[in-house]
């Protein structure tokens, strides 16, 4: 540090370690404020990431446009693909087949390579390859089969025996080639869509709904994009509260550090006068106190971030551990860095008035008053 700040920085380092009690008193208020703020920032970020991961696993598509059995026109597909905020789309064919239980049911056919970029997660849903069918838990129970087993699907005089893989959609999901082997005239009546993370998802959904309703009156739009946006909004509000807490912590630290430095200036008045008499300039004396404040505030900020981040992660794990399969740890490095910078700057700002007072006192008066 002395290489950067020179003599004032070296003297400040010695002063900060010479009186541990005074240094601890200076840093305590800031340490508590930074710890609390860091815990809430890390906790909020991890909660957001965990909630979004859970939604992505359970509902991997942002928006689904369903023609309700009516083929979606090519013009609509082009409009949906080029809509603002849409980053990827894929069409699915639909048709009626007869299951092992003898009942007719509606199934969808997907092209895995085209669908993969659209899905946010495939942890709960498998995109069926040729010769596979993805069935949800209730469908497997209804057809008396299990993952790895086989089912025979028929349509008219055509039949197909497929291997069962895990799925999570309401309709059985086949590879499109298998579906068209059963139902050659299967209509493309469903579109899966993925939206940009930074888009106004509510506005995009409104536009998609308007376009779909105008082209196919029976079409309906579903998806979890609005729920994801709602989660983001709740977390953003929480982070605004955290920002307010940081402001209060900075204010408390500003007062506490300023008062402690002011007392330190009074206690070390003779020392300051002697340093001035030995050739230390006013600017160097101000720099000495500024470096001392930055050193104490910086250490308090770093320790507060480390302790607060640990508390935040422990809190999220305790609160969500029993509710979700996996807690996603998220460390918002930009916000953590901002906390350290703001806290350190607060310490520097708190040193301005005490440093000015010490620098204005003539060396002779400072030595004589001691």
Protein backbone atom coordinates (compact mmCIF):
# COMPACT_ATOMS: atom_id res chain seq x y z
CA UNK A 1 0.00 0.00 0.00
CA UNK A 2 2.92 2.33 0.70
CA UNK A 3 3.96 2.05 -2.96
CA UNK A 4 0.64 3.55 -4.00
CA UNK A 5 0.07 6.09 -1.22
CA UNK A 6 3.66 6.77 -0.17
CA UNK A 7 4.47 7.97 3.33
CA UNK A 8 0.86 8.86 4.32
CA UNK A 9 -0.30 5.35 3.44
CA UNK A 10 2.52 3.76 5.42
CA UNK A 11 1.76 5.90 8.47
CA UNK A 12 -1.96 5.16 8.11
CA UNK A 13 -1.28 1.43 8.10
CA UNK A 14 0.64 1.74 11.35
CA UNK A 15 -2.05 3.90 12.95
CA UNK A 16 -4.81 1.45 12.00
CA UNK A 17 -3.06 -1.46 13.74
CA UNK A 18 -1.66 0.49 16.69
CA UNK A 19 -4.99 0.83 18.50
CA UNK A 20 -7.13 -2.24 17.74
CA UNK A 21 -10.02 -1.14 19.95
CA UNK A 22 -10.39 2.20 18.22
CA UNK A 23 -10.09 0.56 14.81
CA UNK A 24 -12.73 -2.03 15.74
CA UNK A 25 -15.07 0.69 16.98
CA UNK A 26 -14.62 2.55 13.71
CA UNK A 27 -15.37 -0.51 11.59
CA UNK A 28 -18.19 -2.12 13.59
CA UNK A 29 -21.12 -0.06 12.30
CA UNK A 30 -19.98 -0.44 8.71
CA UNK A 31 -19.31 -4.16 9.15
CA UNK A 32 -22.85 -4.77 10.44
CA UNK A 33 -24.47 -2.75 7.67
CA UNK A 34 -22.46 -4.41 4.90
CA UNK A 35 -23.09 -7.87 6.37
CA UNK A 36 -26.84 -7.31 6.43
CA UNK A 37 -26.92 -5.84 2.94
CA UNK A 38 -24.72 -8.57 1.43
CA UNK A 39 -26.83 -11.29 3.04
CA UNK A 40 -30.00 -9.89 1.50
CA UNK A 41 -28.43 -9.29 -1.93
CA UNK A 42 -27.01 -12.82 -2.15
CA UNK A 43 -30.19 -14.30 -0.67
CA UNK A 44 -32.39 -12.46 -3.17
CA UNK A 45 -30.21 -13.44 -6.13
CA UNK A 46 -30.14 -17.11 -5.08
CA UNK A 47 -33.89 -17.11 -4.47
CA UNK A 48 -34.47 -15.68 -7.96
CA UNK A 49 -32.14 -18.23 -9.57
CA UNK A 50 -33.73 -21.13 -7.66
CA UNK A 51 -37.28 -20.06 -8.53
CA UNK A 52 -36.41 -19.54 -12.20
CA UNK A 53 -34.66 -22.92 -12.38
CA UNK A 54 -37.69 -24.61 -10.82
CA UNK A 55 -40.05 -22.96 -13.30
CA UNK A 56 -37.77 -23.81 -16.21
CA UNK A 57 -37.69 -27.47 -15.18
CA UNK A 58 -41.46 -27.76 -14.69
CA UNK A 59 -42.48 -25.47 -17.58
CA UNK A 60 -39.58 -25.30 -20.05
CA UNK A 61 -41.43 -23.28 -22.70
CA UNK A 62 -42.00 -19.54 -22.26
CA UNK A 63 -45.08 -19.36 -24.51
CA UNK A 64 -47.22 -22.02 -26.20
CA UNK A 65 -49.63 -21.16 -29.01
CA UNK A 66 -52.19 -23.91 -29.54
CA UNK A 67 -54.57 -23.94 -32.49
CA UNK A 68 -56.91 -26.30 -30.65
CA UNK A 69 -56.84 -28.79 -33.50
CA UNK A 70 -56.78 -26.15 -36.26
CA UNK A 71 -53.65 -25.91 -38.38
CA UNK A 72 -51.80 -22.64 -37.86
CA UNK A 73 -51.27 -20.79 -41.17
CA UNK A 74 -47.74 -20.20 -42.42
CA UNK A 75 -48.30 -16.43 -42.31
CA UNK A 76 -48.94 -16.61 -38.56
CA UNK A 77 -45.86 -18.75 -38.00
CA UNK A 78 -43.76 -16.11 -39.76
CA UNK A 79 -45.29 -13.31 -37.69
CA UNK A 80 -44.66 -15.16 -34.44
CA UNK A 81 -41.07 -15.93 -35.37
CA UNK A 82 -40.32 -12.27 -36.19
CA UNK A 83 -42.18 -10.73 -33.24
CA UNK A 84 -40.14 -8.44 -30.98
CA UNK A 85 -38.70 -10.28 -28.00
CA UNK A 86 -38.96 -13.76 -29.56
CA UNK A 87 -35.59 -15.50 -29.90
CA UNK A 88 -36.62 -19.02 -30.98
CA UNK A 89 -39.71 -20.92 -32.13
CA UNK A 90 -40.57 -24.44 -33.21
CA UNK A 91 -43.77 -25.94 -34.59
CA UNK A 92 -45.33 -29.21 -33.46
CA UNK A 93 -47.74 -31.40 -35.38
CA UNK A 94 -50.81 -32.85 -33.69
CA UNK A 95 -53.01 -35.82 -34.40
CA UNK A 96 -55.41 -38.33 -32.88
CA UNK A 97 -54.21 -41.86 -32.09
CA UNK A 98 -55.56 -44.79 -30.10
CA UNK A 99 -53.63 -45.72 -26.98
CA UNK A 100 -53.11 -49.15 -25.36
CA UNK A 101 -56.26 -48.60 -23.29
CA UNK A 102 -58.38 -48.38 -26.46
CA UNK A 103 -59.22 -44.72 -26.03
CA UNK A 104 -58.48 -42.06 -28.61
CA UNK A 105 -56.13 -39.30 -27.46
CA UNK A 106 -54.46 -36.24 -28.93
CA UNK A 107 -50.67 -36.45 -29.27
CA UNK A 108 -47.99 -34.07 -30.49
CA UNK A 109 -45.02 -34.67 -32.76
CA UNK A 110 -41.80 -32.72 -32.22
CA UNK A 111 -38.52 -32.31 -34.05
CA UNK A 112 -35.93 -32.58 -31.23
CA UNK A 113 -33.16 -30.63 -32.97
CA UNK A 114 -35.51 -27.72 -33.67
CA UNK A 115 -37.13 -27.80 -30.22
CA UNK A 116 -33.97 -27.96 -28.11
CA UNK A 117 -33.02 -24.24 -28.50
CA UNK A 118 -36.56 -23.27 -27.47
CA UNK A 119 -36.65 -25.15 -24.17
CA UNK A 120 -35.14 -23.60 -21.04
CA UNK A 121 -34.61 -27.00 -19.43
CA UNK A 122 -34.86 -30.68 -20.30
CA UNK A 123 -34.42 -31.97 -16.73
CA UNK A 124 -38.06 -33.07 -16.44
CA UNK A 125 -38.88 -33.53 -20.13
CA UNK A 126 -37.18 -35.72 -22.71
CA UNK A 127 -37.40 -34.84 -26.38
CA UNK A 128 -38.25 -38.19 -28.00
CA UNK A 129 -35.95 -39.58 -30.63
CA UNK A 130 -37.21 -41.84 -33.40
CA UNK A 131 -38.99 -44.81 -31.83
CA UNK A 132 -39.67 -43.09 -28.49
CA UNK A 133 -42.68 -41.51 -26.82
CA UNK A 134 -42.48 -39.11 -23.85
CA UNK A 135 -45.25 -39.73 -21.31
CA UNK A 136 -46.07 -37.92 -18.09
CA UNK A 137 -46.55 -39.83 -14.84
CA UNK A 138 -50.34 -39.98 -15.12
CA UNK A 139 -50.15 -41.12 -18.74
CA UNK A 140 -47.77 -43.93 -17.85
CA UNK A 141 -50.12 -45.03 -15.07
CA UNK A 142 -53.13 -44.80 -17.39
CA UNK A 143 -51.43 -46.96 -20.00
CA UNK A 144 -49.96 -49.34 -17.39
CA UNK A 145 -46.37 -48.79 -18.45
CA UNK A 146 -43.19 -47.26 -17.08
CA UNK A 147 -40.04 -45.54 -18.27
CA UNK A 148 -38.11 -47.99 -20.43
CA UNK A 149 -41.23 -50.01 -21.25
CA UNK A 150 -43.05 -50.01 -24.56
CA UNK A 151 -46.49 -49.03 -25.82
CA UNK A 152 -48.25 -49.67 -29.10
CA UNK A 153 -50.09 -46.73 -30.63
CA UNK A 154 -52.50 -47.13 -33.54
CA UNK A 155 -54.27 -44.87 -36.00
CA UNK A 156 -56.60 -46.63 -38.41
CA UNK A 157 -54.71 -49.59 -39.85
CA UNK A 158 -51.32 -48.16 -38.88
CA UNK A 159 -49.51 -49.01 -35.65
CA UNK A 160 -46.22 -48.13 -34.00
CA UNK A 161 -44.54 -49.70 -30.97
CA UNK A 162 -42.52 -47.08 -29.11
CA UNK A 163 -40.19 -47.03 -26.11
CA UNK A 164 -41.42 -44.93 -23.18
CA UNK A 165 -39.27 -42.06 -21.89
CA UNK A 166 -40.04 -39.56 -19.16
CA UNK A 167 -42.21 -36.58 -20.09
CA UNK A 168 -44.09 -33.83 -18.33
CA UNK A 169 -46.55 -32.43 -20.88
CA UNK A 170 -50.31 -32.90 -20.91
CA UNK A 171 -50.20 -34.66 -24.28
CA UNK A 172 -48.03 -37.60 -25.23
CA UNK A 173 -44.99 -36.38 -27.15
CA UNK A 174 -43.72 -38.35 -30.16
CA UNK A 175 -40.97 -37.77 -32.64
CA UNK A 176 -42.64 -36.03 -35.59
CA UNK A 177 -41.52 -38.77 -37.98
CA UNK A 178 -43.30 -41.38 -35.84
CA UNK A 179 -46.43 -39.24 -35.64
CA UNK A 180 -46.57 -38.77 -39.41
CA UNK A 181 -46.08 -42.50 -39.90
CA UNK A 182 -49.30 -42.92 -37.90
CA UNK A 183 -51.13 -39.77 -39.03
CA UNK A 184 -49.74 -38.61 -42.40
CA UNK A 185 -51.97 -35.52 -42.48
CA UNK A 186 -51.09 -34.37 -38.94
CA UNK A 187 -51.68 -30.62 -38.69
CA UNK A 188 -49.07 -28.18 -37.36
CA UNK A 189 -51.30 -26.70 -34.69
CA UNK A 190 -48.84 -25.86 -31.89
CA UNK A 191 -45.92 -23.45 -31.57
CA UNK A 192 -43.38 -23.37 -28.74
CA UNK A 193 -41.68 -20.03 -28.23
CA UNK A 194 -38.73 -18.75 -26.23
CA UNK A 195 -38.53 -15.08 -25.27
CA UNK A 196 -35.49 -12.91 -24.70
CA UNK A 197 -34.60 -12.55 -21.03
CA UNK A 198 -34.44 -8.76 -21.28
CA UNK A 199 -37.71 -8.35 -23.18
CA UNK A 200 -40.97 -6.96 -21.82
CA UNK A 201 -42.49 -10.42 -21.62
CA UNK A 202 -46.00 -9.23 -20.77
CA UNK A 203 -46.00 -7.03 -23.89
CA UNK A 204 -44.68 -9.90 -26.03
CA UNK A 205 -47.42 -12.23 -24.76
CA UNK A 206 -50.06 -9.61 -25.55
CA UNK A 207 -48.72 -9.25 -29.09
CA UNK A 208 -48.60 -13.04 -29.59
CA UNK A 209 -52.16 -13.36 -28.28
CA UNK A 210 -53.42 -10.66 -30.66
CA UNK A 211 -51.66 -12.18 -33.68
CA UNK A 212 -52.88 -15.70 -32.89
CA UNK A 213 -56.47 -14.64 -32.22
CA UNK A 214 -56.64 -12.67 -35.47
CA UNK A 215 -55.34 -15.60 -37.55
CA UNK A 216 -57.04 -18.50 -35.73
CA UNK A 217 -60.00 -17.51 -33.52
CA UNK A 218 -59.91 -20.86 -31.70
CA UNK A 219 -56.23 -20.51 -30.77
CA UNK A 220 -55.20 -19.98 -27.17
CA UNK A 221 -51.90 -18.85 -25.66
CA UNK A 222 -50.34 -20.24 -22.48
CA UNK A 223 -46.92 -20.18 -20.85
CA UNK A 224 -44.95 -19.21 -17.79
CA UNK A 225 -43.25 -16.08 -19.12
CA UNK A 226 -45.55 -13.83 -17.10
CA UNK A 227 -44.85 -15.81 -13.91
CA UNK A 228 -41.11 -15.48 -14.49
CA UNK A 229 -41.56 -11.74 -14.96
CA UNK A 230 -43.57 -11.57 -11.72
CA UNK A 231 -40.77 -13.31 -9.82
CA UNK A 232 -38.25 -10.86 -11.24
CA UNK A 233 -40.46 -7.97 -10.20
CA UNK A 234 -40.76 -9.25 -6.62
CA UNK A 235 -36.99 -9.73 -6.35
CA UNK A 236 -36.36 -6.29 -7.87
CA UNK A 237 -38.60 -4.71 -5.21
CA UNK A 238 -36.70 -6.63 -2.55
CA UNK A 239 -33.42 -5.35 -3.96
CA UNK A 240 -34.77 -1.79 -3.82
CA UNK A 241 -35.37 -2.34 -0.12
CA UNK A 242 -31.82 -3.65 0.17
CA UNK A 243 -30.55 -0.53 -1.56
CA UNK A 244 -32.36 1.53 1.06
CA UNK A 245 -30.75 -0.53 3.80
CA UNK A 246 -27.37 0.05 2.21
CA UNK A 247 -28.07 3.78 2.24
CA UNK A 248 -28.90 3.66 5.95
CA UNK A 249 -25.81 1.55 6.62
CA UNK A 250 -23.64 4.02 4.73
CA UNK A 251 -25.13 6.93 6.67
CA UNK A 252 -24.55 5.20 10.00
CA UNK A 253 -21.02 4.31 8.95
CA UNK A 254 -20.41 7.88 7.80
CA UNK A 255 -21.40 9.24 11.20
CA UNK A 256 -19.61 6.53 13.18
CA UNK A 257 -16.37 6.66 11.22
CA UNK A 258 -16.44 10.47 11.23
CA UNK A 259 -16.92 10.65 15.00
CA UNK A 260 -14.22 8.08 15.69
CA UNK A 261 -11.76 9.82 13.38
CA UNK A 262 -12.59 13.17 14.98
CA UNK A 263 -11.78 11.72 18.41
CA UNK A 264 -8.65 10.20 16.94
CA UNK A 265 -7.56 13.60 15.64
CA UNK A 266 -8.01 15.11 19.11
CA UNK A 267 -6.12 12.27 20.78
CA UNK A 268 -3.26 12.49 18.27
CA UNK A 269 -3.08 16.24 18.08
CA UNK A 270 0.51 16.37 19.35
CA UNK A 271 1.51 13.59 16.99
CA UNK A 272 0.00 15.46 14.05
CA UNK A 273 1.77 18.66 15.08
CA UNK A 274 5.08 16.82 15.36
CA UNK A 275 4.63 15.27 11.92
CA UNK A 276 3.88 18.69 10.48
CA UNK A 277 6.97 20.11 12.18
CA UNK A 278 9.07 17.31 10.67
CA UNK A 279 7.94 18.28 7.18
CA UNK A 280 4.62 16.53 6.57
CA UNK A 281 2.48 18.84 4.44
CA UNK A 282 -1.20 19.60 5.00
CA UNK A 283 -2.09 17.51 2.00
CA UNK A 284 -0.07 14.57 3.29
CA UNK A 285 -1.72 14.84 6.70
CA UNK A 286 -5.15 14.81 5.08
CA UNK A 287 -4.00 11.87 2.98
CA UNK A 288 -2.85 10.04 6.11
CA UNK A 289 -6.31 10.23 7.66
CA UNK A 290 -7.98 9.43 4.35
CA UNK A 291 -5.84 6.32 3.88
CA UNK A 292 -6.56 5.27 7.45
CA UNK A 293 -10.30 5.58 6.85
CA UNK A 294 -10.10 3.74 3.52
CA UNK A 295 -8.06 0.93 5.07
CA UNK A 296 -10.48 0.43 7.96
CA UNK A 297 -13.60 0.79 5.80
CA UNK A 298 -12.20 -1.47 3.08
CA UNK A 299 -11.37 -4.27 5.51
CA UNK A 300 -14.79 -3.91 7.15
CA UNK A 301 -16.49 -4.00 3.74
CA UNK A 302 -14.62 -7.12 2.58
CA UNK A 303 -15.26 -8.95 5.85
CA UNK A 304 -18.90 -7.85 5.78
CA UNK A 305 -19.35 -9.16 2.23
CA UNK A 306 -17.77 -12.51 3.09
CA UNK A 307 -19.81 -12.99 6.26
CA UNK A 308 -23.00 -11.60 4.71
CA UNK A 309 -22.72 -13.79 1.61
CA UNK A 310 -22.29 -16.85 3.80
CA UNK A 311 -25.33 -15.87 5.88
CA UNK A 312 -27.34 -15.26 2.71
CA UNK A 313 -26.53 -18.69 1.27
CA UNK A 314 -27.25 -20.43 4.57
CA UNK A 315 -30.54 -18.56 4.87
CA UNK A 316 -31.67 -19.49 1.36
CA UNK A 317 -30.70 -23.13 1.88
CA UNK A 318 -32.64 -23.23 5.16
CA UNK A 319 -35.71 -21.49 3.72
CA UNK A 320 -35.91 -23.30 0.39
CA UNK A 321 -34.10 -26.57 1.06
CA UNK A 322 -37.30 -28.41 1.97
CA UNK A 323 -39.35 -26.87 -0.85
CA UNK A 324 -37.18 -27.51 -3.92
CA UNK A 325 -34.98 -30.34 -5.15
CA UNK A 326 -31.93 -28.15 -5.61
CA UNK A 327 -31.03 -24.67 -4.36
CA UNK A 328 -29.24 -22.68 -7.07
CA UNK A 329 -26.42 -20.56 -5.65
CA UNK A 330 -26.09 -17.18 -7.32
CA UNK A 331 -23.47 -14.59 -6.38
CA UNK A 332 -24.20 -11.18 -8.00
CA UNK A 333 -20.59 -10.08 -8.31
CA UNK A 334 -21.45 -6.67 -9.75
CA UNK A 335 -23.67 -5.79 -6.80
CA UNK A 336 -21.19 -7.24 -4.30
CA UNK A 337 -18.43 -5.13 -5.84
CA UNK A 338 -20.68 -2.07 -5.68
CA UNK A 339 -21.26 -2.69 -1.96
CA UNK A 340 -17.51 -2.78 -1.30
CA UNK A 341 -16.91 0.37 -3.35
CA UNK A 342 -19.77 2.32 -1.72
CA UNK A 343 -18.73 1.27 1.79
CA UNK A 344 -15.10 2.20 1.17
CA UNK A 345 -16.12 5.52 -0.36
CA UNK A 346 -18.27 6.18 2.72
CA UNK A 347 -15.23 5.72 4.92
CA UNK A 348 -13.23 8.08 2.74
CA UNK A 349 -15.98 10.68 2.85
CA UNK A 350 -16.19 10.41 6.63
CA UNK A 351 -12.52 11.39 6.92
CA UNK A 352 -12.91 14.71 5.10
CA UNK A 353 -13.97 16.94 8.02
CA UNK A 354 -11.60 15.46 10.65
CA UNK A 355 -8.72 15.62 8.17
CA UNK A 356 -9.49 19.23 7.32
CA UNK A 357 -9.54 20.14 11.01
CA UNK A 358 -6.22 18.42 11.65
CA UNK A 359 -4.58 20.04 8.63
CA UNK A 360 -5.73 23.55 9.60
CA UNK A 361 -4.20 23.37 13.09
CA UNK A 362 -0.73 25.03 13.10
CA UNK A 363 2.06 22.64 14.16
CA UNK A 364 3.17 24.82 17.07
CA UNK A 365 -0.38 25.12 18.42
CA UNK A 366 -0.91 21.37 18.10
CA UNK A 367 2.28 20.55 20.01
CA UNK A 368 1.65 23.19 22.68
CA UNK A 369 -1.97 22.09 23.24
CA UNK A 370 -1.06 18.50 23.98
